[in-house]
């Protein structure tokens, strides 16, 4: 028959193992712990993507110090037939990707060029904001060219037209 000291040590060891098991379950194996780890991984991925996005915006040097300068650079690239360069004047935030803009520009280069040469700034807007608009003629109507300021590289980009 085991003595009292062995019984107490066995009981303490058993209690320790139960608490260790509960700790491991709660920390690593429970649905809540798994969900927390997944959430942490998603947050880290979002933060990495945000850092890459900000770095891409900081290194984006295609554009001018004013909306008009960016528009002029864009028109100049189109006149030279350099669709690749022209597509680089579009913002990384625009609805279309640069590849889609490149395809759009390639298809309608002359139409876009002729319309944007006649672009005029929308009246009564302040350049102090991060958005600037130009009117330009398009198929019996007037359309808008939106410019946005990239605060990371301090240049104006084409957001959409």
C-alpha atoms as a PDB file:
ATOM      1  CA  UNK A   1       0.000   0.000   0.000  1.00  0.00           C
ATOM      2  CA  UNK A   2       1.402   3.382  -0.994  1.00  0.00           C
ATOM      3  CA  UNK A   3       2.249   5.692   1.789  1.00  0.00           C
ATOM      4  CA  UNK A   4       0.790   9.098   2.323  1.00  0.00           C
ATOM      5  CA  UNK A   5       3.793  10.974   0.867  1.00  0.00           C
ATOM      6  CA  UNK A   6       3.578   9.046  -2.426  1.00  0.00           C
ATOM      7  CA  UNK A   7      -0.161   9.675  -2.607  1.00  0.00           C
ATOM      8  CA  UNK A   8       0.320  13.439  -2.140  1.00  0.00           C
ATOM      9  CA  UNK A   9       3.086  13.539  -4.776  1.00  0.00           C
ATOM     10  CA  UNK A  10       0.953  11.512  -7.183  1.00  0.00           C
ATOM     11  CA  UNK A  11      -2.032  13.824  -6.581  1.00  0.00           C
ATOM     12  CA  UNK A  12       0.073  16.951  -7.076  1.00  0.00           C
ATOM     13  CA  UNK A  13       1.562  15.489 -10.270  1.00  0.00           C
ATOM     14  CA  UNK A  14      -1.916  14.659 -11.547  1.00  0.00           C
ATOM     15  CA  UNK A  15      -3.192  18.164 -10.729  1.00  0.00           C
ATOM     16  CA  UNK A  16      -0.119  19.614 -12.472  1.00  0.00           C
ATOM     17  CA  UNK A  17      -0.756  17.510 -15.586  1.00  0.00           C
ATOM     18  CA  UNK A  18      -4.430  18.525 -15.655  1.00  0.00           C
ATOM     19  CA  UNK A  19      -3.536  22.216 -15.417  1.00  0.00           C
ATOM     20  CA  UNK A  20      -0.803  21.797 -18.027  1.00  0.00           C
ATOM     21  CA  UNK A  21      -3.287  20.092 -20.338  1.00  0.00           C
ATOM     22  CA  UNK A  22      -5.848  22.856 -19.812  1.00  0.00           C
ATOM     23  CA  UNK A  23      -3.192  25.496 -20.434  1.00  0.00           C
ATOM     24  CA  UNK A  24      -2.067  23.825 -23.674  1.00  0.00           C
ATOM     25  CA  UNK A  25      -5.669  23.394 -24.821  1.00  0.00           C
ATOM     26  CA  UNK A  26      -6.613  26.981 -23.968  1.00  0.00           C
ATOM     27  CA  UNK A  27      -3.451  28.454 -25.508  1.00  0.00           C
ATOM     28  CA  UNK A  28      -3.041  26.341 -28.639  1.00  0.00           C
ATOM     29  CA  UNK A  29      -5.919  23.981 -29.363  1.00  0.00           C
ATOM     30  CA  UNK A  30      -9.190  25.668 -28.415  1.00  0.00           C
ATOM     31  CA  UNK A  31     -11.344  27.176 -31.179  1.00  0.00           C
ATOM     32  CA  UNK A  32     -10.757  30.606 -29.648  1.00  0.00           C
ATOM     33  CA  UNK A  33      -6.963  30.161 -29.700  1.00  0.00           C
ATOM     34  CA  UNK A  34      -7.067  28.956 -33.311  1.00  0.00           C
ATOM     35  CA  UNK A  35      -9.275  31.892 -34.295  1.00  0.00           C
ATOM     36  CA  UNK A  36      -6.958  34.346 -32.513  1.00  0.00           C
ATOM     37  CA  UNK A  37      -3.930  32.939 -34.363  1.00  0.00           C
ATOM     38  CA  UNK A  38      -5.755  33.175 -37.704  1.00  0.00           C
ATOM     39  CA  UNK A  39      -6.775  36.761 -36.935  1.00  0.00           C
ATOM     40  CA  UNK A  40      -3.187  37.630 -36.000  1.00  0.00           C
ATOM     41  CA  UNK A  41      -1.884  36.101 -39.244  1.00  0.00           C
ATOM     42  CA  UNK A  42      -4.459  38.073 -41.266  1.00  0.00           C
ATOM     43  CA  UNK A  43      -3.522  41.286 -39.463  1.00  0.00           C
ATOM     44  CA  UNK A  44       0.176  40.694 -40.157  1.00  0.00           C
ATOM     45  CA  UNK A  45      -0.601  40.053 -43.835  1.00  0.00           C
ATOM     46  CA  UNK A  46      -2.658  43.269 -44.057  1.00  0.00           C
ATOM     47  CA  UNK A  47       0.154  45.242 -42.410  1.00  0.00           C
ATOM     48  CA  UNK A  48       2.738  43.770 -44.818  1.00  0.00           C
ATOM     49  CA  UNK A  49       0.525  44.624 -47.801  1.00  0.00           C
ATOM     50  CA  UNK A  50       0.044  48.153 -46.458  1.00  0.00           C
ATOM     51  CA  UNK A  51       3.808  48.586 -46.100  1.00  0.00           C
ATOM     52  CA  UNK A  52       4.385  47.334 -49.674  1.00  0.00           C
ATOM     53  CA  UNK A  53       1.642  49.656 -50.947  1.00  0.00           C
ATOM     54  CA  UNK A  54       3.128  52.672 -49.172  1.00  0.00           C
ATOM     55  CA  UNK A  55       6.593  51.804 -50.482  1.00  0.00           C
ATOM     56  CA  UNK A  56       5.192  51.531 -54.018  1.00  0.00           C
ATOM     57  CA  UNK A  57       3.604  54.978 -53.637  1.00  0.00           C
ATOM     58  CA  UNK A  58       6.855  56.452 -52.261  1.00  0.00           C
ATOM     59  CA  UNK A  59       8.851  55.082 -55.190  1.00  0.00           C
ATOM     60  CA  UNK A  60       6.300  56.209 -57.823  1.00  0.00           C
ATOM     61  CA  UNK A  61       8.000  59.178 -59.481  1.00  0.00           C
ATOM     62  CA  UNK A  62       5.942  59.437 -62.683  1.00  0.00           C
ATOM     63  CA  UNK A  63       3.984  62.662 -62.477  1.00  0.00           C
ATOM     64  CA  UNK A  64       4.351  66.379 -62.078  1.00  0.00           C
ATOM     65  CA  UNK A  65       4.377  68.833 -59.222  1.00  0.00           C
ATOM     66  CA  UNK A  66       1.062  70.236 -60.467  1.00  0.00           C
ATOM     67  CA  UNK A  67      -1.993  68.625 -62.054  1.00  0.00           C
ATOM     68  CA  UNK A  68      -1.321  70.529 -65.287  1.00  0.00           C
ATOM     69  CA  UNK A  69       2.268  69.281 -65.433  1.00  0.00           C
ATOM     70  CA  UNK A  70       1.116  65.661 -65.062  1.00  0.00           C
ATOM     71  CA  UNK A  71      -1.504  66.155 -67.766  1.00  0.00           C
ATOM     72  CA  UNK A  72       1.131  67.670 -70.071  1.00  0.00           C
ATOM     73  CA  UNK A  73       3.522  64.766 -69.423  1.00  0.00           C
ATOM     74  CA  UNK A  74       0.733  62.288 -70.160  1.00  0.00           C
ATOM     75  CA  UNK A  75      -0.166  64.034 -73.430  1.00  0.00           C
ATOM     76  CA  UNK A  76       3.521  64.214 -74.402  1.00  0.00           C
ATOM     77  CA  UNK A  77       3.919  60.455 -73.844  1.00  0.00           C
ATOM     78  CA  UNK A  78       0.824  59.764 -75.970  1.00  0.00           C
ATOM     79  CA  UNK A  79       2.100  62.023 -78.742  1.00  0.00           C
ATOM     80  CA  UNK A  80       5.330  60.011 -78.790  1.00  0.00           C
ATOM     81  CA  UNK A  81       3.277  56.810 -78.916  1.00  0.00           C
ATOM     82  CA  UNK A  82       4.751  55.621 -75.598  1.00  0.00           C
ATOM     83  CA  UNK A  83       1.710  53.933 -74.072  1.00  0.00           C
ATOM     84  CA  UNK A  84       3.847  52.276 -71.384  1.00  0.00           C
ATOM     85  CA  UNK A  85       5.073  55.657 -70.137  1.00  0.00           C
ATOM     86  CA  UNK A  86       1.587  57.175 -70.428  1.00  0.00           C
ATOM     87  CA  UNK A  87       0.144  54.390 -68.255  1.00  0.00           C
ATOM     88  CA  UNK A  88       2.644  55.218 -65.499  1.00  0.00           C
ATOM     89  CA  UNK A  89       0.963  58.591 -64.914  1.00  0.00           C
ATOM     90  CA  UNK A  90      -2.090  56.798 -63.504  1.00  0.00           C
ATOM     91  CA  UNK A  91      -2.466  56.430 -59.773  1.00  0.00           C
ATOM     92  CA  UNK A  92      -1.929  53.083 -58.090  1.00  0.00           C
ATOM     93  CA  UNK A  93      -5.306  53.716 -56.434  1.00  0.00           C
ATOM     94  CA  UNK A  94      -7.313  54.069 -59.630  1.00  0.00           C
ATOM     95  CA  UNK A  95     -10.201  51.742 -60.392  1.00  0.00           C
ATOM     96  CA  UNK A  96      -8.373  50.153 -63.312  1.00  0.00           C
ATOM     97  CA  UNK A  97      -4.934  48.585 -63.045  1.00  0.00           C
ATOM     98  CA  UNK A  98      -2.062  50.054 -65.032  1.00  0.00           C
ATOM     99  CA  UNK A  99      -2.331  47.079 -67.409  1.00  0.00           C
ATOM    100  CA  UNK A 100      -6.024  47.861 -68.010  1.00  0.00           C
ATOM    101  CA  UNK A 101      -5.212  51.561 -68.525  1.00  0.00           C
ATOM    102  CA  UNK A 102      -2.514  50.569 -70.997  1.00  0.00           C
ATOM    103  CA  UNK A 103      -5.012  48.480 -72.971  1.00  0.00           C
ATOM    104  CA  UNK A 104      -7.600  51.287 -72.868  1.00  0.00           C
ATOM    105  CA  UNK A 105      -5.046  53.882 -73.997  1.00  0.00           C
ATOM    106  CA  UNK A 106      -3.759  51.639 -76.790  1.00  0.00           C
ATOM    107  CA  UNK A 107      -7.262  51.173 -78.180  1.00  0.00           C
ATOM    108  CA  UNK A 108      -8.322  54.833 -78.011  1.00  0.00           C
ATOM    109  CA  UNK A 109      -4.997  56.682 -78.092  1.00  0.00           C
ATOM    110  CA  UNK A 110      -5.907  59.258 -80.751  1.00  0.00           C
ATOM    111  CA  UNK A 111      -9.368  59.946 -79.317  1.00  0.00           C
ATOM    112  CA  UNK A 112      -7.943  60.394 -75.811  1.00  0.00           C
ATOM    113  CA  UNK A 113      -5.105  62.560 -77.094  1.00  0.00           C
ATOM    114  CA  UNK A 114      -7.388  64.902 -79.035  1.00  0.00           C
ATOM    115  CA  UNK A 115      -9.827  65.213 -76.115  1.00  0.00           C
ATOM    116  CA  UNK A 116      -7.196  65.842 -73.444  1.00  0.00           C
ATOM    117  CA  UNK A 117      -5.455  68.501 -75.510  1.00  0.00           C
ATOM    118  CA  UNK A 118      -8.680  70.493 -75.039  1.00  0.00           C
ATOM    119  CA  UNK A 119      -8.913  69.830 -71.295  1.00  0.00           C
ATOM    120  CA  UNK A 120      -9.610  72.794 -69.041  1.00  0.00           C
ATOM    121  CA  UNK A 121      -9.503  72.956 -65.245  1.00  0.00           C
ATOM    122  CA  UNK A 122     -12.848  72.946 -63.469  1.00  0.00           C
ATOM    123  CA  UNK A 123     -13.395  76.488 -62.218  1.00  0.00           C
ATOM    124  CA  UNK A 124     -13.290  77.511 -58.569  1.00  0.00           C
ATOM    125  CA  UNK A 125     -11.317  74.571 -57.223  1.00  0.00           C
ATOM    126  CA  UNK A 126      -8.374  74.953 -54.906  1.00  0.00           C
ATOM    127  CA  UNK A 127      -5.174  73.136 -55.668  1.00  0.00           C
ATOM    128  CA  UNK A 128      -4.593  72.816 -51.900  1.00  0.00           C
ATOM    129  CA  UNK A 129      -6.857  69.758 -51.782  1.00  0.00           C
ATOM    130  CA  UNK A 130      -5.631  66.328 -52.858  1.00  0.00           C
ATOM    131  CA  UNK A 131      -8.015  66.151 -55.827  1.00  0.00           C
ATOM    132  CA  UNK A 132      -8.126  68.264 -58.972  1.00  0.00           C
ATOM    133  CA  UNK A 133     -10.503  68.046 -61.940  1.00  0.00           C
ATOM    134  CA  UNK A 134     -10.280  68.882 -65.644  1.00  0.00           C
ATOM    135  CA  UNK A 135     -13.178  69.018 -68.098  1.00  0.00           C
ATOM    136  CA  UNK A 136     -12.501  67.511 -71.506  1.00  0.00           C
ATOM    137  CA  UNK A 137     -14.779  67.018 -74.527  1.00  0.00           C
ATOM    138  CA  UNK A 138     -15.881  63.474 -75.307  1.00  0.00           C
ATOM    139  CA  UNK A 139     -18.498  62.274 -77.799  1.00  0.00           C
ATOM    140  CA  UNK A 140     -20.941  65.245 -77.766  1.00  0.00           C
ATOM    141  CA  UNK A 141     -20.520  65.761 -74.030  1.00  0.00           C
ATOM    142  CA  UNK A 142     -17.971  66.831 -71.454  1.00  0.00           C
ATOM    143  CA  UNK A 143     -16.229  64.341 -69.233  1.00  0.00           C
ATOM    144  CA  UNK A 144     -14.035  64.742 -66.173  1.00  0.00           C
ATOM    145  CA  UNK A 145     -10.389  63.866 -65.677  1.00  0.00           C
ATOM    146  CA  UNK A 146      -9.642  63.361 -61.998  1.00  0.00           C
ATOM    147  CA  UNK A 147      -6.156  63.987 -60.625  1.00  0.00           C
ATOM    148  CA  UNK A 148      -4.996  63.008 -57.135  1.00  0.00           C
ATOM    149  CA  UNK A 149      -1.986  64.040 -55.139  1.00  0.00           C
ATOM    150  CA  UNK A 150       0.397  61.289 -54.049  1.00  0.00           C
ATOM    151  CA  UNK A 151       1.529  62.616 -50.686  1.00  0.00           C
ATOM    152  CA  UNK A 152       4.261  59.961 -50.438  1.00  0.00           C
ATOM    153  CA  UNK A 153       6.209  61.081 -53.515  1.00  0.00           C
ATOM    154  CA  UNK A 154       4.655  64.573 -53.762  1.00  0.00           C
ATOM    155  CA  UNK A 155       3.422  64.281 -57.345  1.00  0.00           C
ATOM    156  CA  UNK A 156       0.062  64.459 -59.074  1.00  0.00           C
ATOM    157  CA  UNK A 157      -1.366  61.324 -60.676  1.00  0.00           C
ATOM    158  CA  UNK A 158      -4.300  60.618 -62.986  1.00  0.00           C
ATOM    159  CA  UNK A 159      -7.009  58.880 -60.987  1.00  0.00           C
ATOM    160  CA  UNK A 160      -9.552  58.368 -63.724  1.00  0.00           C
ATOM    161  CA  UNK A 161     -11.252  59.711 -66.781  1.00  0.00           C
END
